[in-house]
């Protein structure tokens, strides 16, 4: 059996993003659970704001196609995002929307979402840890066909939640991250058989 392949990304590209640090912590945890992790930054895949007229006129941007291929090639997804006004970041929502428009490429059909195993997480400066965003992200990904693990991570007081090695300092948050990554790894491994 080959190691499950997990694509890990943050819905923030801000310098010092606590959600990016959470993805780094998850990447280390997933590696411990014998996953092959591809860690990407959405800064490397800039996309215009989704517009149906733009898509009709110019087609799907190449970066959306590249991301769709990456999603397709992995068994699972780990996504962490900041909370913006009770929902996910505009960057992440725009990325999800563009990738959902890609259905095939020169190699045949692409399946970026349907049947993938996913886990969601959030870190926030506030005490609630971005929990409101997680509901929205779960609903969107589920609608697209991602099979989400029940476990999730919401890290509150995010600016003081990590040590210098990007490990969570709060024991409870670290346990949630471990449980989420373990569940994602196990279910992705079953999919990968």
N, C-alpha and C. Protein backbone atom coordinates (compact mmCIF):
# COMPACT_ATOMS: atom_id res chain seq x y z
N UNK A 1 0.85 -1.19 0.00
CA UNK A 1 0.00 0.00 0.00
C UNK A 1 0.88 1.24 0.00
N UNK A 2 0.59 2.17 -0.89
CA UNK A 2 1.36 3.41 -0.95
C UNK A 2 0.82 4.41 0.06
N UNK A 3 1.67 5.35 0.43
CA UNK A 3 1.27 6.38 1.40
C UNK A 3 0.20 7.26 0.81
N UNK A 4 -0.82 7.62 1.61
CA UNK A 4 -1.84 8.53 1.09
C UNK A 4 -1.23 9.90 0.79
N UNK A 5 -1.68 10.49 -0.31
CA UNK A 5 -1.18 11.80 -0.73
C UNK A 5 -2.16 12.87 -0.28
N UNK A 6 -1.66 13.82 0.50
CA UNK A 6 -2.48 14.90 1.06
C UNK A 6 -1.98 16.24 0.54
N UNK A 7 -2.90 17.05 0.03
CA UNK A 7 -2.59 18.42 -0.38
C UNK A 7 -2.97 19.34 0.77
N UNK A 8 -2.01 20.13 1.25
CA UNK A 8 -2.24 21.02 2.40
C UNK A 8 -2.08 22.47 1.97
N UNK A 9 -3.07 23.29 2.33
CA UNK A 9 -3.02 24.69 1.93
C UNK A 9 -3.72 25.59 2.93
N UNK A 10 -3.33 26.84 2.91
CA UNK A 10 -3.92 27.87 3.77
C UNK A 10 -4.73 28.84 2.93
N UNK A 11 -5.82 29.31 3.49
CA UNK A 11 -6.65 30.32 2.84
C UNK A 11 -6.14 31.72 3.08
N UNK A 12 -4.89 31.83 3.54
CA UNK A 12 -4.27 33.14 3.76
C UNK A 12 -2.87 33.13 3.16
N UNK A 13 -2.51 34.25 2.55
CA UNK A 13 -1.14 34.40 2.04
C UNK A 13 -0.42 35.54 2.75
N UNK A 14 -1.01 36.02 3.82
CA UNK A 14 -0.42 37.11 4.59
C UNK A 14 0.88 36.65 5.26
N UNK A 15 1.89 37.52 5.30
CA UNK A 15 3.14 37.21 6.00
C UNK A 15 2.83 36.89 7.47
N UNK A 16 3.38 35.80 7.95
CA UNK A 16 3.19 35.42 9.34
C UNK A 16 1.81 34.90 9.66
N UNK A 17 1.04 34.52 8.67
CA UNK A 17 -0.33 34.04 8.87
C UNK A 17 -0.39 32.90 9.89
N UNK A 18 -1.28 33.02 10.84
CA UNK A 18 -1.43 31.94 11.82
C UNK A 18 -2.10 30.72 11.19
N UNK A 19 -2.86 30.91 10.13
CA UNK A 19 -3.43 29.76 9.44
C UNK A 19 -2.38 29.02 8.63
N UNK A 20 -1.43 29.74 8.08
CA UNK A 20 -0.32 29.10 7.40
C UNK A 20 0.53 28.33 8.41
N UNK A 21 0.70 28.88 9.59
CA UNK A 21 1.43 28.17 10.65
C UNK A 21 0.67 26.92 11.06
N UNK A 22 -0.66 27.00 11.06
CA UNK A 22 -1.47 25.83 11.39
C UNK A 22 -1.31 24.74 10.32
N UNK A 23 -1.24 25.14 9.06
CA UNK A 23 -1.00 24.18 7.98
C UNK A 23 0.39 23.55 8.14
N UNK A 24 1.37 24.34 8.55
CA UNK A 24 2.71 23.79 8.78
C UNK A 24 2.68 22.76 9.91
N UNK A 25 1.95 23.06 10.98
CA UNK A 25 1.82 22.10 12.09
C UNK A 25 1.11 20.83 11.63
N UNK A 26 0.09 21.00 10.81
CA UNK A 26 -0.65 19.84 10.29
C UNK A 26 0.22 19.01 9.36
N UNK A 27 1.04 19.67 8.56
CA UNK A 27 1.94 18.96 7.65
C UNK A 27 2.88 18.05 8.44
N UNK A 28 3.46 18.58 9.51
CA UNK A 28 4.35 17.77 10.35
C UNK A 28 3.59 16.59 10.96
N UNK A 29 2.38 16.83 11.39
CA UNK A 29 1.55 15.77 12.00
C UNK A 29 1.19 14.71 10.96
N UNK A 30 0.81 15.13 9.78
CA UNK A 30 0.44 14.18 8.72
C UNK A 30 1.63 13.31 8.30
N UNK A 31 2.80 13.89 8.27
CA UNK A 31 4.00 13.12 7.94
C UNK A 31 4.22 12.03 8.99
N UNK A 32 3.95 12.34 10.26
CA UNK A 32 4.07 11.34 11.32
C UNK A 32 3.08 10.19 11.13
N UNK A 33 1.98 10.48 10.46
CA UNK A 33 0.97 9.45 10.17
C UNK A 33 1.20 8.83 8.79
N UNK A 34 2.44 8.94 8.30
CA UNK A 34 2.89 8.27 7.08
C UNK A 34 2.17 8.73 5.81
N UNK A 35 1.87 10.03 5.77
CA UNK A 35 1.28 10.61 4.57
C UNK A 35 2.37 11.29 3.75
N UNK A 36 2.15 11.33 2.46
CA UNK A 36 2.99 12.11 1.56
C UNK A 36 2.27 13.44 1.37
N UNK A 37 2.84 14.50 1.91
CA UNK A 37 2.16 15.80 1.94
C UNK A 37 2.77 16.75 0.91
N UNK A 38 1.90 17.36 0.13
CA UNK A 38 2.31 18.44 -0.78
C UNK A 38 1.77 19.73 -0.17
N UNK A 39 2.68 20.60 0.22
CA UNK A 39 2.32 21.85 0.89
C UNK A 39 2.41 22.96 -0.15
N UNK A 40 1.30 23.66 -0.41
CA UNK A 40 1.32 24.75 -1.39
C UNK A 40 0.88 26.06 -0.76
N UNK A 41 1.24 27.14 -1.44
CA UNK A 41 0.76 28.47 -1.08
C UNK A 41 -0.08 29.00 -2.24
N UNK A 42 -1.24 29.54 -1.93
CA UNK A 42 -2.08 30.12 -2.98
C UNK A 42 -1.44 31.36 -3.60
N UNK A 43 -0.42 31.90 -2.97
CA UNK A 43 0.31 33.03 -3.56
C UNK A 43 0.98 32.61 -4.87
N UNK A 44 1.25 31.32 -5.00
CA UNK A 44 1.90 30.83 -6.22
C UNK A 44 0.91 30.56 -7.35
N UNK A 45 -0.40 30.74 -7.07
CA UNK A 45 -1.45 30.47 -8.06
C UNK A 45 -2.44 31.63 -8.11
N UNK A 46 -1.98 32.84 -8.45
CA UNK A 46 -2.91 33.98 -8.46
C UNK A 46 -4.03 33.79 -9.48
N UNK A 47 -5.21 34.20 -9.09
CA UNK A 47 -6.40 34.07 -9.94
C UNK A 47 -7.20 35.37 -9.92
N UNK A 48 -7.84 35.73 -11.02
CA UNK A 48 -8.74 36.89 -10.99
C UNK A 48 -9.99 36.54 -10.18
N UNK A 49 -10.72 37.54 -9.76
CA UNK A 49 -12.01 37.29 -9.11
C UNK A 49 -12.90 36.56 -10.10
N UNK A 50 -13.56 35.49 -9.61
CA UNK A 50 -14.38 34.71 -10.53
C UNK A 50 -15.48 35.58 -11.15
N UNK A 51 -15.63 35.46 -12.47
CA UNK A 51 -16.64 36.19 -13.23
C UNK A 51 -17.00 35.30 -14.42
N UNK A 52 -18.26 34.93 -14.52
CA UNK A 52 -18.71 34.07 -15.60
C UNK A 52 -18.44 34.65 -16.97
N UNK A 53 -18.55 35.98 -17.10
CA UNK A 53 -18.25 36.61 -18.39
C UNK A 53 -16.77 36.49 -18.73
N UNK A 54 -15.92 36.65 -17.70
CA UNK A 54 -14.48 36.49 -17.91
C UNK A 54 -14.16 35.06 -18.34
N UNK A 55 -14.81 34.09 -17.70
CA UNK A 55 -14.59 32.69 -18.08
C UNK A 55 -15.04 32.44 -19.52
N UNK A 56 -16.18 32.99 -19.91
CA UNK A 56 -16.68 32.81 -21.29
C UNK A 56 -15.74 33.45 -22.30
N UNK A 57 -15.21 34.61 -21.95
CA UNK A 57 -14.36 35.36 -22.87
C UNK A 57 -12.95 34.77 -22.96
N UNK A 58 -12.34 34.48 -21.81
CA UNK A 58 -10.93 34.09 -21.79
C UNK A 58 -10.68 32.63 -21.43
N UNK A 59 -11.73 31.92 -21.02
CA UNK A 59 -11.56 30.55 -20.58
C UNK A 59 -11.10 30.48 -19.13
N UNK A 60 -10.83 29.27 -18.69
CA UNK A 60 -10.40 29.06 -17.31
C UNK A 60 -8.91 29.39 -17.20
N UNK A 61 -8.52 30.18 -16.20
CA UNK A 61 -7.11 30.55 -16.05
C UNK A 61 -6.23 29.31 -15.85
N UNK A 62 -5.03 29.40 -16.34
CA UNK A 62 -4.08 28.28 -16.24
C UNK A 62 -3.83 27.88 -14.78
N UNK A 63 -3.78 28.87 -13.88
CA UNK A 63 -3.54 28.55 -12.47
C UNK A 63 -4.69 27.74 -11.87
N UNK A 64 -5.91 27.98 -12.31
CA UNK A 64 -7.04 27.16 -11.85
C UNK A 64 -6.88 25.73 -12.34
N UNK A 65 -6.42 25.58 -13.57
CA UNK A 65 -6.18 24.23 -14.11
C UNK A 65 -5.06 23.53 -13.35
N UNK A 66 -4.00 24.26 -13.03
CA UNK A 66 -2.89 23.67 -12.27
C UNK A 66 -3.37 23.20 -10.90
N UNK A 67 -4.16 24.05 -10.24
CA UNK A 67 -4.68 23.67 -8.92
C UNK A 67 -5.62 22.47 -9.02
N UNK A 68 -6.47 22.47 -10.03
CA UNK A 68 -7.39 21.34 -10.22
C UNK A 68 -6.61 20.04 -10.40
N UNK A 69 -5.50 20.10 -11.15
CA UNK A 69 -4.66 18.90 -11.33
C UNK A 69 -4.07 18.45 -10.00
N UNK A 70 -3.61 19.42 -9.20
CA UNK A 70 -3.05 19.08 -7.89
C UNK A 70 -4.12 18.45 -6.99
N UNK A 71 -5.30 19.04 -6.95
CA UNK A 71 -6.39 18.47 -6.15
C UNK A 71 -6.68 17.04 -6.63
N UNK A 72 -6.75 16.87 -7.94
CA UNK A 72 -7.07 15.58 -8.55
C UNK A 72 -6.04 14.50 -8.18
N UNK A 73 -4.78 14.88 -8.15
CA UNK A 73 -3.70 13.93 -7.93
C UNK A 73 -3.54 13.49 -6.48
N UNK A 74 -4.28 14.10 -5.57
CA UNK A 74 -4.15 13.79 -4.15
C UNK A 74 -5.39 13.05 -3.64
N UNK A 75 -5.15 12.21 -2.63
CA UNK A 75 -6.25 11.46 -2.02
C UNK A 75 -7.05 12.34 -1.06
N UNK A 76 -6.37 13.29 -0.44
CA UNK A 76 -7.02 14.10 0.58
C UNK A 76 -6.55 15.54 0.57
N UNK A 77 -7.33 16.36 1.29
CA UNK A 77 -7.06 17.79 1.40
C UNK A 77 -7.05 18.20 2.86
N UNK A 78 -6.09 19.03 3.25
CA UNK A 78 -6.12 19.68 4.55
C UNK A 78 -6.13 21.17 4.27
N UNK A 79 -7.19 21.84 4.70
CA UNK A 79 -7.35 23.27 4.41
C UNK A 79 -7.59 24.03 5.72
N UNK A 80 -6.77 25.04 5.95
CA UNK A 80 -6.97 25.95 7.08
C UNK A 80 -7.24 27.34 6.52
N UNK A 81 -8.17 28.05 7.15
CA UNK A 81 -8.50 29.38 6.65
C UNK A 81 -8.83 30.32 7.80
N UNK A 82 -8.48 31.59 7.65
CA UNK A 82 -8.96 32.57 8.60
C UNK A 82 -10.47 32.79 8.44
N UNK A 83 -11.05 33.38 9.45
CA UNK A 83 -12.48 33.71 9.39
C UNK A 83 -12.62 35.19 9.00
N UNK A 84 -13.40 35.43 7.96
CA UNK A 84 -13.69 36.79 7.50
C UNK A 84 -15.18 37.02 7.64
N UNK A 85 -15.57 37.89 8.56
CA UNK A 85 -16.98 38.21 8.76
C UNK A 85 -17.84 36.95 8.90
N UNK A 86 -17.34 36.00 9.67
CA UNK A 86 -18.09 34.78 9.94
C UNK A 86 -18.00 33.72 8.86
N UNK A 87 -17.19 33.94 7.83
CA UNK A 87 -17.08 32.97 6.75
C UNK A 87 -15.61 32.82 6.35
N UNK A 88 -15.37 32.08 5.24
CA UNK A 88 -14.00 31.85 4.82
C UNK A 88 -13.42 33.06 4.10
N UNK A 89 -12.12 33.02 3.92
CA UNK A 89 -11.43 34.15 3.29
C UNK A 89 -11.84 34.27 1.83
N UNK A 90 -11.91 35.50 1.31
CA UNK A 90 -12.23 35.69 -0.11
C UNK A 90 -11.24 34.95 -1.01
N UNK A 91 -9.97 34.91 -0.63
CA UNK A 91 -8.96 34.21 -1.41
C UNK A 91 -9.32 32.73 -1.56
N UNK A 92 -9.68 32.09 -0.45
CA UNK A 92 -10.00 30.66 -0.50
C UNK A 92 -11.28 30.41 -1.27
N UNK A 93 -12.30 31.23 -1.04
CA UNK A 93 -13.57 31.03 -1.75
C UNK A 93 -13.38 31.19 -3.26
N UNK A 94 -12.62 32.19 -3.67
CA UNK A 94 -12.36 32.40 -5.09
C UNK A 94 -11.61 31.22 -5.70
N UNK A 95 -10.65 30.70 -4.96
CA UNK A 95 -9.89 29.54 -5.42
C UNK A 95 -10.80 28.33 -5.59
N UNK A 96 -11.61 28.06 -4.58
CA UNK A 96 -12.55 26.93 -4.64
C UNK A 96 -13.47 27.08 -5.85
N UNK A 97 -13.97 28.29 -6.07
CA UNK A 97 -14.90 28.52 -7.18
C UNK A 97 -14.23 28.29 -8.53
N UNK A 98 -13.04 28.81 -8.72
CA UNK A 98 -12.35 28.62 -10.00
C UNK A 98 -12.03 27.14 -10.23
N UNK A 99 -11.53 26.47 -9.21
CA UNK A 99 -11.17 25.05 -9.36
C UNK A 99 -12.41 24.23 -9.69
N UNK A 100 -13.55 24.61 -9.16
CA UNK A 100 -14.78 23.86 -9.43
C UNK A 100 -15.21 23.97 -10.89
N UNK A 101 -14.69 24.94 -11.61
CA UNK A 101 -15.05 25.14 -13.02
C UNK A 101 -14.23 24.25 -13.95
N UNK A 102 -13.18 23.63 -13.42
CA UNK A 102 -12.30 22.78 -14.24
C UNK A 102 -12.82 21.34 -14.19
N UNK A 103 -13.18 20.81 -15.35
CA UNK A 103 -13.70 19.43 -15.36
C UNK A 103 -12.84 18.49 -16.19
N UNK A 104 -12.01 19.03 -17.05
CA UNK A 104 -11.13 18.17 -17.83
C UNK A 104 -9.92 18.95 -18.31
N UNK A 105 -8.91 18.21 -18.73
CA UNK A 105 -7.74 18.83 -19.35
C UNK A 105 -7.26 17.91 -20.46
N UNK A 106 -6.09 18.18 -20.96
CA UNK A 106 -5.59 17.40 -22.09
C UNK A 106 -5.37 15.92 -21.73
N UNK A 107 -5.29 15.61 -20.42
CA UNK A 107 -5.08 14.23 -20.00
C UNK A 107 -6.39 13.50 -19.72
N UNK A 108 -7.51 14.19 -19.87
CA UNK A 108 -8.80 13.55 -19.61
C UNK A 108 -9.54 14.23 -18.48
N UNK A 109 -10.47 13.52 -17.89
CA UNK A 109 -11.29 14.11 -16.84
C UNK A 109 -10.49 14.38 -15.57
N UNK A 110 -10.75 15.55 -14.99
CA UNK A 110 -10.18 15.90 -13.69
C UNK A 110 -11.29 15.83 -12.66
N UNK A 111 -10.96 15.30 -11.50
CA UNK A 111 -11.91 15.25 -10.39
C UNK A 111 -11.24 15.94 -9.20
N UNK A 112 -11.36 17.27 -9.12
CA UNK A 112 -10.66 17.97 -8.05
C UNK A 112 -11.28 17.80 -6.67
N UNK A 113 -12.58 17.55 -6.59
CA UNK A 113 -13.25 17.50 -5.29
C UNK A 113 -13.95 16.17 -5.02
N UNK A 114 -14.77 15.71 -5.92
CA UNK A 114 -15.65 14.57 -5.67
C UNK A 114 -14.86 13.35 -5.21
N UNK A 115 -15.25 12.80 -4.06
CA UNK A 115 -14.63 11.60 -3.55
C UNK A 115 -13.32 11.80 -2.80
N UNK A 116 -12.85 13.03 -2.70
CA UNK A 116 -11.64 13.30 -1.93
C UNK A 116 -11.99 13.29 -0.44
N UNK A 117 -11.02 12.93 0.38
CA UNK A 117 -11.17 13.00 1.83
C UNK A 117 -10.61 14.35 2.26
N UNK A 118 -11.31 15.05 3.13
CA UNK A 118 -10.85 16.37 3.53
C UNK A 118 -10.93 16.61 5.02
N UNK A 119 -10.11 17.55 5.48
CA UNK A 119 -10.14 18.03 6.85
C UNK A 119 -10.03 19.54 6.82
N UNK A 120 -10.74 20.19 7.73
CA UNK A 120 -10.73 21.65 7.77
C UNK A 120 -10.26 22.15 9.13
N UNK A 121 -9.68 23.34 9.10
CA UNK A 121 -9.12 23.92 10.32
C UNK A 121 -9.15 25.44 10.21
N UNK A 122 -9.04 26.08 11.36
CA UNK A 122 -9.00 27.54 11.40
C UNK A 122 -8.20 27.98 12.62
N UNK A 123 -7.53 29.10 12.47
CA UNK A 123 -6.88 29.76 13.60
C UNK A 123 -7.32 31.22 13.58
N UNK A 124 -7.56 31.75 14.76
CA UNK A 124 -8.08 33.11 14.86
C UNK A 124 -7.43 33.81 16.04
N UNK A 125 -7.26 35.15 15.95
CA UNK A 125 -6.76 35.88 17.11
C UNK A 125 -7.74 35.85 18.28
N UNK A 126 -9.03 35.69 17.98
CA UNK A 126 -10.05 35.66 19.02
C UNK A 126 -10.16 34.30 19.68
N UNK A 127 -10.97 34.25 20.70
CA UNK A 127 -11.11 33.03 21.49
C UNK A 127 -11.89 31.92 20.82
N UNK A 128 -12.69 32.23 19.82
CA UNK A 128 -13.54 31.20 19.19
C UNK A 128 -12.80 30.38 18.13
N UNK A 129 -11.65 30.82 17.72
CA UNK A 129 -10.82 30.02 16.82
C UNK A 129 -11.34 29.86 15.41
N UNK A 130 -12.21 30.77 14.96
CA UNK A 130 -12.70 30.68 13.59
C UNK A 130 -13.77 29.63 13.38
N UNK A 131 -14.46 29.25 14.43
CA UNK A 131 -15.43 28.15 14.35
C UNK A 131 -16.57 28.45 13.38
N UNK A 132 -16.99 29.70 13.26
CA UNK A 132 -18.07 30.04 12.33
C UNK A 132 -17.66 29.77 10.89
N UNK A 133 -16.41 30.05 10.57
CA UNK A 133 -15.92 29.81 9.22
C UNK A 133 -15.96 28.33 8.87
N UNK A 134 -15.65 27.49 9.86
CA UNK A 134 -15.59 26.05 9.61
C UNK A 134 -16.92 25.50 9.12
N UNK A 135 -18.02 26.00 9.65
CA UNK A 135 -19.34 25.55 9.18
C UNK A 135 -19.52 25.86 7.70
N UNK A 136 -19.15 27.06 7.30
CA UNK A 136 -19.31 27.47 5.90
C UNK A 136 -18.41 26.66 4.98
N UNK A 137 -17.15 26.49 5.39
CA UNK A 137 -16.21 25.74 4.56
C UNK A 137 -16.66 24.28 4.42
N UNK A 138 -17.13 23.70 5.51
CA UNK A 138 -17.61 22.31 5.45
C UNK A 138 -18.78 22.19 4.47
N UNK A 139 -19.70 23.13 4.54
CA UNK A 139 -20.88 23.09 3.66
C UNK A 139 -20.48 23.18 2.19
N UNK A 140 -19.57 24.09 1.88
CA UNK A 140 -19.13 24.27 0.49
C UNK A 140 -18.43 23.02 -0.03
N UNK A 141 -17.46 22.52 0.74
CA UNK A 141 -16.70 21.36 0.30
C UNK A 141 -17.58 20.11 0.18
N UNK A 142 -18.50 19.95 1.11
CA UNK A 142 -19.42 18.81 1.05
C UNK A 142 -20.29 18.89 -0.20
N UNK A 143 -20.78 20.06 -0.51
CA UNK A 143 -21.60 20.25 -1.72
C UNK A 143 -20.82 19.88 -2.98
N UNK A 144 -19.51 20.11 -2.96
CA UNK A 144 -18.66 19.79 -4.12
C UNK A 144 -18.25 18.31 -4.15
N UNK A 145 -18.61 17.55 -3.12
CA UNK A 145 -18.34 16.12 -3.12
C UNK A 145 -17.18 15.66 -2.28
N UNK A 146 -16.58 16.57 -1.49
CA UNK A 146 -15.50 16.18 -0.60
C UNK A 146 -16.10 15.45 0.60
N UNK A 147 -15.50 14.34 0.99
CA UNK A 147 -15.93 13.57 2.16
C UNK A 147 -15.10 14.04 3.34
N UNK A 148 -15.70 14.87 4.18
CA UNK A 148 -14.95 15.48 5.28
C UNK A 148 -14.95 14.59 6.52
N UNK A 149 -13.78 14.51 7.17
CA UNK A 149 -13.72 13.80 8.44
C UNK A 149 -14.49 14.60 9.48
N UNK A 150 -15.02 13.91 10.48
CA UNK A 150 -15.81 14.58 11.52
C UNK A 150 -14.95 15.53 12.35
N UNK A 151 -13.70 15.16 12.56
CA UNK A 151 -12.81 15.97 13.38
C UNK A 151 -12.44 17.26 12.65
N UNK A 152 -12.21 18.32 13.43
CA UNK A 152 -11.77 19.59 12.86
C UNK A 152 -10.97 20.33 13.93
N UNK A 153 -10.31 21.40 13.52
CA UNK A 153 -9.44 22.14 14.43
C UNK A 153 -9.84 23.61 14.41
N UNK A 154 -10.05 24.18 15.60
CA UNK A 154 -10.31 25.62 15.74
C UNK A 154 -9.38 26.14 16.83
N UNK A 155 -8.37 26.88 16.42
CA UNK A 155 -7.35 27.37 17.35
C UNK A 155 -7.64 28.82 17.70
N UNK A 156 -7.98 29.07 18.94
CA UNK A 156 -8.21 30.43 19.42
C UNK A 156 -6.92 31.07 19.90
N UNK A 157 -6.96 32.39 20.06
CA UNK A 157 -5.80 33.15 20.54
C UNK A 157 -4.55 32.78 19.72
N UNK A 158 -4.74 32.79 18.40
CA UNK A 158 -3.76 32.26 17.48
C UNK A 158 -2.40 32.93 17.48
N UNK A 159 -2.32 34.19 17.87
CA UNK A 159 -1.03 34.87 17.83
C UNK A 159 -0.08 34.35 18.91
N UNK A 160 -0.64 33.69 19.93
CA UNK A 160 0.22 33.10 20.97
C UNK A 160 0.08 31.59 21.02
N UNK A 161 -0.47 30.99 19.97
CA UNK A 161 -0.78 29.56 19.98
C UNK A 161 0.35 28.67 19.49
N UNK A 162 1.41 29.25 18.94
CA UNK A 162 2.48 28.45 18.34
C UNK A 162 3.82 28.80 18.97
N UNK A 163 4.69 27.78 19.04
CA UNK A 163 6.05 28.04 19.49
C UNK A 163 6.91 28.42 18.27
N UNK A 164 8.20 28.57 18.48
CA UNK A 164 9.10 28.98 17.40
C UNK A 164 9.23 27.94 16.30
N UNK A 165 8.82 26.70 16.57
CA UNK A 165 8.88 25.62 15.58
C UNK A 165 7.52 25.36 14.95
N UNK A 166 6.57 26.28 15.14
CA UNK A 166 5.20 26.18 14.62
C UNK A 166 4.44 24.98 15.17
N UNK A 167 4.77 24.58 16.38
CA UNK A 167 3.99 23.56 17.09
C UNK A 167 3.00 24.27 17.99
N UNK A 168 1.81 23.69 18.12
CA UNK A 168 0.80 24.28 18.99
C UNK A 168 1.22 24.16 20.45
N UNK A 169 1.08 25.26 21.19
CA UNK A 169 1.47 25.26 22.60
C UNK A 169 0.31 24.86 23.50
N UNK A 170 -0.90 25.01 23.05
CA UNK A 170 -2.08 24.63 23.84
C UNK A 170 -2.34 23.13 23.65
N UNK A 171 -2.34 22.40 24.75
CA UNK A 171 -2.47 20.94 24.69
C UNK A 171 -3.78 20.50 24.04
N UNK A 172 -4.86 21.19 24.35
CA UNK A 172 -6.17 20.82 23.79
C UNK A 172 -6.18 21.00 22.27
N UNK A 173 -5.67 22.14 21.80
CA UNK A 173 -5.60 22.38 20.35
C UNK A 173 -4.70 21.35 19.66
N UNK A 174 -3.58 21.02 20.31
CA UNK A 174 -2.67 20.02 19.75
C UNK A 174 -3.35 18.66 19.65
N UNK A 175 -4.17 18.31 20.62
CA UNK A 175 -4.90 17.04 20.59
C UNK A 175 -5.93 17.03 19.45
N UNK A 176 -6.62 18.16 19.26
CA UNK A 176 -7.57 18.26 18.15
C UNK A 176 -6.86 18.11 16.81
N UNK A 177 -5.70 18.74 16.69
CA UNK A 177 -4.95 18.65 15.44
C UNK A 177 -4.50 17.21 15.20
N UNK A 178 -3.98 16.56 16.23
CA UNK A 178 -3.54 15.17 16.10
C UNK A 178 -4.69 14.27 15.69
N UNK A 179 -5.85 14.43 16.35
CA UNK A 179 -7.01 13.58 16.03
C UNK A 179 -7.50 13.83 14.60
N UNK A 180 -7.50 15.08 14.18
CA UNK A 180 -7.95 15.42 12.83
C UNK A 180 -7.01 14.83 11.78
N UNK A 181 -5.72 14.99 11.99
CA UNK A 181 -4.74 14.47 11.02
C UNK A 181 -4.74 12.95 10.99
N UNK A 182 -4.90 12.33 12.14
CA UNK A 182 -4.95 10.86 12.20
C UNK A 182 -6.16 10.34 11.43
N UNK A 183 -7.32 10.97 11.64
CA UNK A 183 -8.53 10.57 10.93
C UNK A 183 -8.39 10.77 9.43
N UNK A 184 -7.83 11.91 9.02
CA UNK A 184 -7.62 12.19 7.60
C UNK A 184 -6.68 11.16 6.99
N UNK A 185 -5.59 10.86 7.68
CA UNK A 185 -4.62 9.88 7.17
C UNK A 185 -5.24 8.50 7.03
N UNK A 186 -6.00 8.08 8.03
CA UNK A 186 -6.61 6.74 7.99
C UNK A 186 -7.62 6.62 6.87
N UNK A 187 -8.46 7.62 6.72
CA UNK A 187 -9.51 7.55 5.69
C UNK A 187 -8.92 7.72 4.29
N UNK A 188 -7.90 8.54 4.16
CA UNK A 188 -7.23 8.70 2.86
C UNK A 188 -6.52 7.40 2.48
N UNK A 189 -5.96 6.70 3.46
CA UNK A 189 -5.30 5.43 3.20
C UNK A 189 -6.29 4.39 2.69
N UNK A 190 -7.50 4.39 3.25
CA UNK A 190 -8.53 3.46 2.78
C UNK A 190 -8.92 3.78 1.33
N UNK A 191 -9.00 5.06 1.01
CA UNK A 191 -9.33 5.48 -0.34
C UNK A 191 -8.23 5.09 -1.32
N UNK A 192 -7.01 5.08 -0.83
CA UNK A 192 -5.83 4.86 -1.66
C UNK A 192 -5.56 3.38 -1.93
N UNK A 193 -6.32 2.48 -1.35
CA UNK A 193 -6.09 1.04 -1.54
C UNK A 193 -6.28 0.60 -2.97
